[in-house]
Amino acid sequence: MNRRRKFLLASVLALQNSSFIYPSCQKCFSRIILVSKRSNCPKCGFTGKAENANYRYRLSLKVAESNRLFGITVFGSCLDAFFGLTATGLHRILKTSMDKVQVPATSYSSAPTTKEKLKH
């Protein structure tokens, strides 16, 4: 990985991946694996409770500068200001919102047929 910092004035063409937050290791910031109620980092071996997982931003973009196309990825807390909160905070909001979504109790297979509708 190139450690030199470069500034690029470009136009964003597309979001490369719709998954822009990920559960991260508290030690090495790598993606962790969440299994049941535990988390495990395959890179450094750190384990913990899944409910205590921290999240980080990972924004992969396709951008254009002049007549050149680039694929860039921006990681970490530098995106906190852009989103207005930390990735962990955003994950909590998204999780709370998804918990409030209600799934209909009836399925399409239990819907009345045309004949049943005509009987009534």
C-alpha atoms as a PDB file:
ATOM      1  CA  MET A   1       0.000   0.000   0.000  1.00  0.00           C
ATOM      2  CA  ASN A   2       1.259   3.444  -0.888  1.00  0.00           C
ATOM      3  CA  ARG A   3       1.652   5.548   2.274  1.00  0.00           C
ATOM      4  CA  ARG A   4       2.182   8.842   0.463  1.00  0.00           C
ATOM      5  CA  ARG A   5      -0.777  11.156   0.690  1.00  0.00           C
ATOM      6  CA  LYS A   6      -2.125  12.500  -2.587  1.00  0.00           C
ATOM      7  CA  PHE A   7      -4.959  14.886  -3.203  1.00  0.00           C
ATOM      8  CA  LEU A   8      -7.229  14.268  -6.142  1.00  0.00           C
ATOM      9  CA  LEU A   9      -9.807  16.683  -7.482  1.00  0.00           C
ATOM     10  CA  ALA A  10     -12.203  14.375  -9.302  1.00  0.00           C
ATOM     11  CA  SER A  11     -15.841  13.656  -9.991  1.00  0.00           C
ATOM     12  CA  VAL A  12     -17.459  10.639  -8.362  1.00  0.00           C
ATOM     13  CA  LEU A  13     -18.998   8.434 -11.023  1.00  0.00           C
ATOM     14  CA  ALA A  14     -20.185   5.483  -8.986  1.00  0.00           C
ATOM     15  CA  LEU A  15     -20.182   3.796  -5.643  1.00  0.00           C
ATOM     16  CA  GLN A  16     -18.282   0.550  -6.190  1.00  0.00           C
ATOM     17  CA  ASN A  17     -19.768  -1.328  -3.242  1.00  0.00           C
ATOM     18  CA  SER A  18     -22.984  -0.598  -1.373  1.00  0.00           C
ATOM     19  CA  SER A  19     -21.525  -2.006   1.843  1.00  0.00           C
ATOM     20  CA  PHE A  20     -19.766   1.063   3.229  1.00  0.00           C
ATOM     21  CA  ILE A  21     -19.367   0.068   6.888  1.00  0.00           C
ATOM     22  CA  TYR A  22     -17.792  -3.067   8.280  1.00  0.00           C
ATOM     23  CA  PRO A  23     -17.202  -4.604  11.713  1.00  0.00           C
ATOM     24  CA  SER A  24     -13.561  -3.980  12.578  1.00  0.00           C
ATOM     25  CA  CYS A  25     -10.961  -5.339  14.954  1.00  0.00           C
ATOM     26  CA  GLN A  26     -10.251  -3.055  17.900  1.00  0.00           C
ATOM     27  CA  LYS A  27      -6.522  -3.782  17.583  1.00  0.00           C
ATOM     28  CA  CYS A  28      -5.659  -3.908  13.872  1.00  0.00           C
ATOM     29  CA  PHE A  29      -8.816  -2.430  12.209  1.00  0.00           C
ATOM     30  CA  SER A  30      -9.186  -5.470   9.888  1.00  0.00           C
ATOM     31  CA  ARG A  31     -12.626  -6.877   9.113  1.00  0.00           C
ATOM     32  CA  ILE A  32     -13.757  -9.223  11.871  1.00  0.00           C
ATOM     33  CA  ILE A  33     -15.991 -12.246  11.610  1.00  0.00           C
ATOM     34  CA  LEU A  34     -19.172 -12.089  13.691  1.00  0.00           C
ATOM     35  CA  VAL A  35     -20.413 -15.544  14.677  1.00  0.00           C
ATOM     36  CA  SER A  36     -23.331 -15.911  17.048  1.00  0.00           C
ATOM     37  CA  LYS A  37     -22.410 -13.730  20.030  1.00  0.00           C
ATOM     38  CA  ARG A  38     -18.631 -13.678  19.427  1.00  0.00           C
ATOM     39  CA  SER A  39     -16.288 -11.786  17.126  1.00  0.00           C
ATOM     40  CA  ASN A  40     -12.970 -13.023  15.806  1.00  0.00           C
ATOM     41  CA  CYS A  41     -10.221 -11.258  13.855  1.00  0.00           C
ATOM     42  CA  PRO A  42      -8.622 -13.599  11.326  1.00  0.00           C
ATOM     43  CA  LYS A  43      -5.593 -11.307  11.007  1.00  0.00           C
ATOM     44  CA  CYS A  44      -4.444 -10.781  14.615  1.00  0.00           C
ATOM     45  CA  GLY A  45      -6.604 -13.309  16.492  1.00  0.00           C
ATOM     46  CA  PHE A  46      -8.401 -10.770  18.728  1.00  0.00           C
ATOM     47  CA  THR A  47     -11.740 -12.081  20.038  1.00  0.00           C
ATOM     48  CA  GLY A  48     -14.584 -10.373  21.827  1.00  0.00           C
ATOM     49  CA  LYS A  49     -18.323 -10.066  22.195  1.00  0.00           C
ATOM     50  CA  ALA A  50     -20.159  -9.376  18.931  1.00  0.00           C
ATOM     51  CA  GLU A  51     -22.302  -6.737  20.643  1.00  0.00           C
ATOM     52  CA  ASN A  52     -19.135  -4.728  21.415  1.00  0.00           C
ATOM     53  CA  ALA A  53     -17.901  -4.688  17.814  1.00  0.00           C
ATOM     54  CA  ASN A  54     -16.703  -1.372  16.443  1.00  0.00           C
ATOM     55  CA  TYR A  55     -17.471  -0.385  12.879  1.00  0.00           C
ATOM     56  CA  ARG A  56     -15.402   1.542  10.349  1.00  0.00           C
ATOM     57  CA  TYR A  57     -16.172   3.231   7.074  1.00  0.00           C
ATOM     58  CA  ARG A  58     -14.882   1.789   3.800  1.00  0.00           C
ATOM     59  CA  LEU A  59     -16.051   3.820   0.835  1.00  0.00           C
ATOM     60  CA  SER A  60     -15.023   2.455  -2.581  1.00  0.00           C
ATOM     61  CA  LEU A  61     -15.571   4.884  -5.427  1.00  0.00           C
ATOM     62  CA  LYS A  62     -15.058   5.093  -9.162  1.00  0.00           C
ATOM     63  CA  VAL A  63     -13.873   8.617  -9.967  1.00  0.00           C
ATOM     64  CA  ALA A  64     -12.825  10.594 -13.037  1.00  0.00           C
ATOM     65  CA  GLU A  65     -10.136  13.243 -13.236  1.00  0.00           C
ATOM     66  CA  SER A  66      -9.733  14.910 -16.629  1.00  0.00           C
ATOM     67  CA  ASN A  67      -9.767  11.935 -19.004  1.00  0.00           C
ATOM     68  CA  ARG A  68      -8.563   9.312 -16.492  1.00  0.00           C
ATOM     69  CA  LEU A  69     -10.610   6.879 -14.375  1.00  0.00           C
ATOM     70  CA  PHE A  70      -9.544   5.742 -10.922  1.00  0.00           C
ATOM     71  CA  GLY A  71     -10.834   3.282  -8.385  1.00  0.00           C
ATOM     72  CA  ILE A  72     -10.220   4.681  -4.901  1.00  0.00           C
ATOM     73  CA  THR A  73     -11.072   3.445  -1.432  1.00  0.00           C
ATOM     74  CA  VAL A  74     -11.293   5.703   1.605  1.00  0.00           C
ATOM     75  CA  PHE A  75     -11.113   4.071   5.038  1.00  0.00           C
ATOM     76  CA  GLY A  76     -11.718   5.091   8.603  1.00  0.00           C
ATOM     77  CA  SER A  77     -12.610   8.047  10.741  1.00  0.00           C
ATOM     78  CA  CYS A  78     -11.787  10.655   8.087  1.00  0.00           C
ATOM     79  CA  LEU A  79     -15.315   9.907   6.800  1.00  0.00           C
ATOM     80  CA  ASP A  80     -16.966  10.711  10.164  1.00  0.00           C
ATOM     81  CA  ALA A  81     -17.346  14.374   9.190  1.00  0.00           C
ATOM     82  CA  PHE A  82     -18.781  13.435   5.784  1.00  0.00           C
ATOM     83  CA  PHE A  83     -21.467  11.158   7.278  1.00  0.00           C
ATOM     84  CA  GLY A  84     -21.936  13.294  10.393  1.00  0.00           C
ATOM     85  CA  LEU A  85     -21.287  10.483  12.878  1.00  0.00           C
ATOM     86  CA  THR A  86     -19.015   7.520  13.474  1.00  0.00           C
ATOM     87  CA  ALA A  87     -19.511   4.263  11.578  1.00  0.00           C
ATOM     88  CA  THR A  88     -20.436   2.554  14.871  1.00  0.00           C
ATOM     89  CA  GLY A  89     -23.080   5.231  15.493  1.00  0.00           C
ATOM     90  CA  LEU A  90     -24.461   4.824  11.972  1.00  0.00           C
ATOM     91  CA  HIS A  91     -24.568   1.039  12.397  1.00  0.00           C
ATOM     92  CA  ARG A  92     -26.622   1.426  15.601  1.00  0.00           C
ATOM     93  CA  ILE A  93     -29.109   3.711  13.829  1.00  0.00           C
ATOM     94  CA  LEU A  94     -29.412   1.344  10.856  1.00  0.00           C
ATOM     95  CA  LYS A  95     -29.842  -1.676  13.133  1.00  0.00           C
ATOM     96  CA  THR A  96     -32.529   0.106  15.175  1.00  0.00           C
ATOM     97  CA  SER A  97     -34.333   1.149  11.985  1.00  0.00           C
ATOM     98  CA  MET A  98     -34.234  -2.394  10.586  1.00  0.00           C
ATOM     99  CA  ASP A  99     -35.573  -3.814  13.858  1.00  0.00           C
ATOM    100  CA  LYS A 100     -38.603  -1.518  13.498  1.00  0.00           C
ATOM    101  CA  VAL A 101     -39.433  -2.747   9.976  1.00  0.00           C
ATOM    102  CA  GLN A 102     -42.420  -5.056  10.153  1.00  0.00           C
ATOM    103  CA  VAL A 103     -42.671  -8.090   7.893  1.00  0.00           C
ATOM    104  CA  PRO A 104     -46.236  -8.972   6.852  1.00  0.00           C
ATOM    105  CA  ALA A 105     -47.558 -12.033   8.687  1.00  0.00           C
ATOM    106  CA  THR A 106     -49.330 -13.448   5.633  1.00  0.00           C
ATOM    107  CA  SER A 107     -47.548 -14.859   2.643  1.00  0.00           C
ATOM    108  CA  TYR A 108     -48.672 -14.844  -0.961  1.00  0.00           C
ATOM    109  CA  SER A 109     -49.476 -18.550  -0.796  1.00  0.00           C
ATOM    110  CA  SER A 110     -52.101 -17.932   1.899  1.00  0.00           C
ATOM    111  CA  ALA A 111     -53.841 -15.193  -0.075  1.00  0.00           C
ATOM    112  CA  PRO A 112     -57.366 -16.106  -1.234  1.00  0.00           C
ATOM    113  CA  THR A 113     -57.701 -17.451  -4.767  1.00  0.00           C
ATOM    114  CA  THR A 114     -59.964 -15.869  -7.349  1.00  0.00           C
ATOM    115  CA  LYS A 115     -62.618 -18.572  -6.733  1.00  0.00           C
ATOM    116  CA  GLU A 116     -62.550 -17.901  -2.972  1.00  0.00           C
ATOM    117  CA  LYS A 117     -62.969 -14.169  -3.604  1.00  0.00           C
ATOM    118  CA  LEU A 118     -65.995 -14.810  -5.852  1.00  0.00           C
ATOM    119  CA  LYS A 119     -67.704 -16.908  -3.143  1.00  0.00           C
ATOM    120  CA  HIS A 120     -67.854 -13.920  -0.780  1.00  0.00           C
END
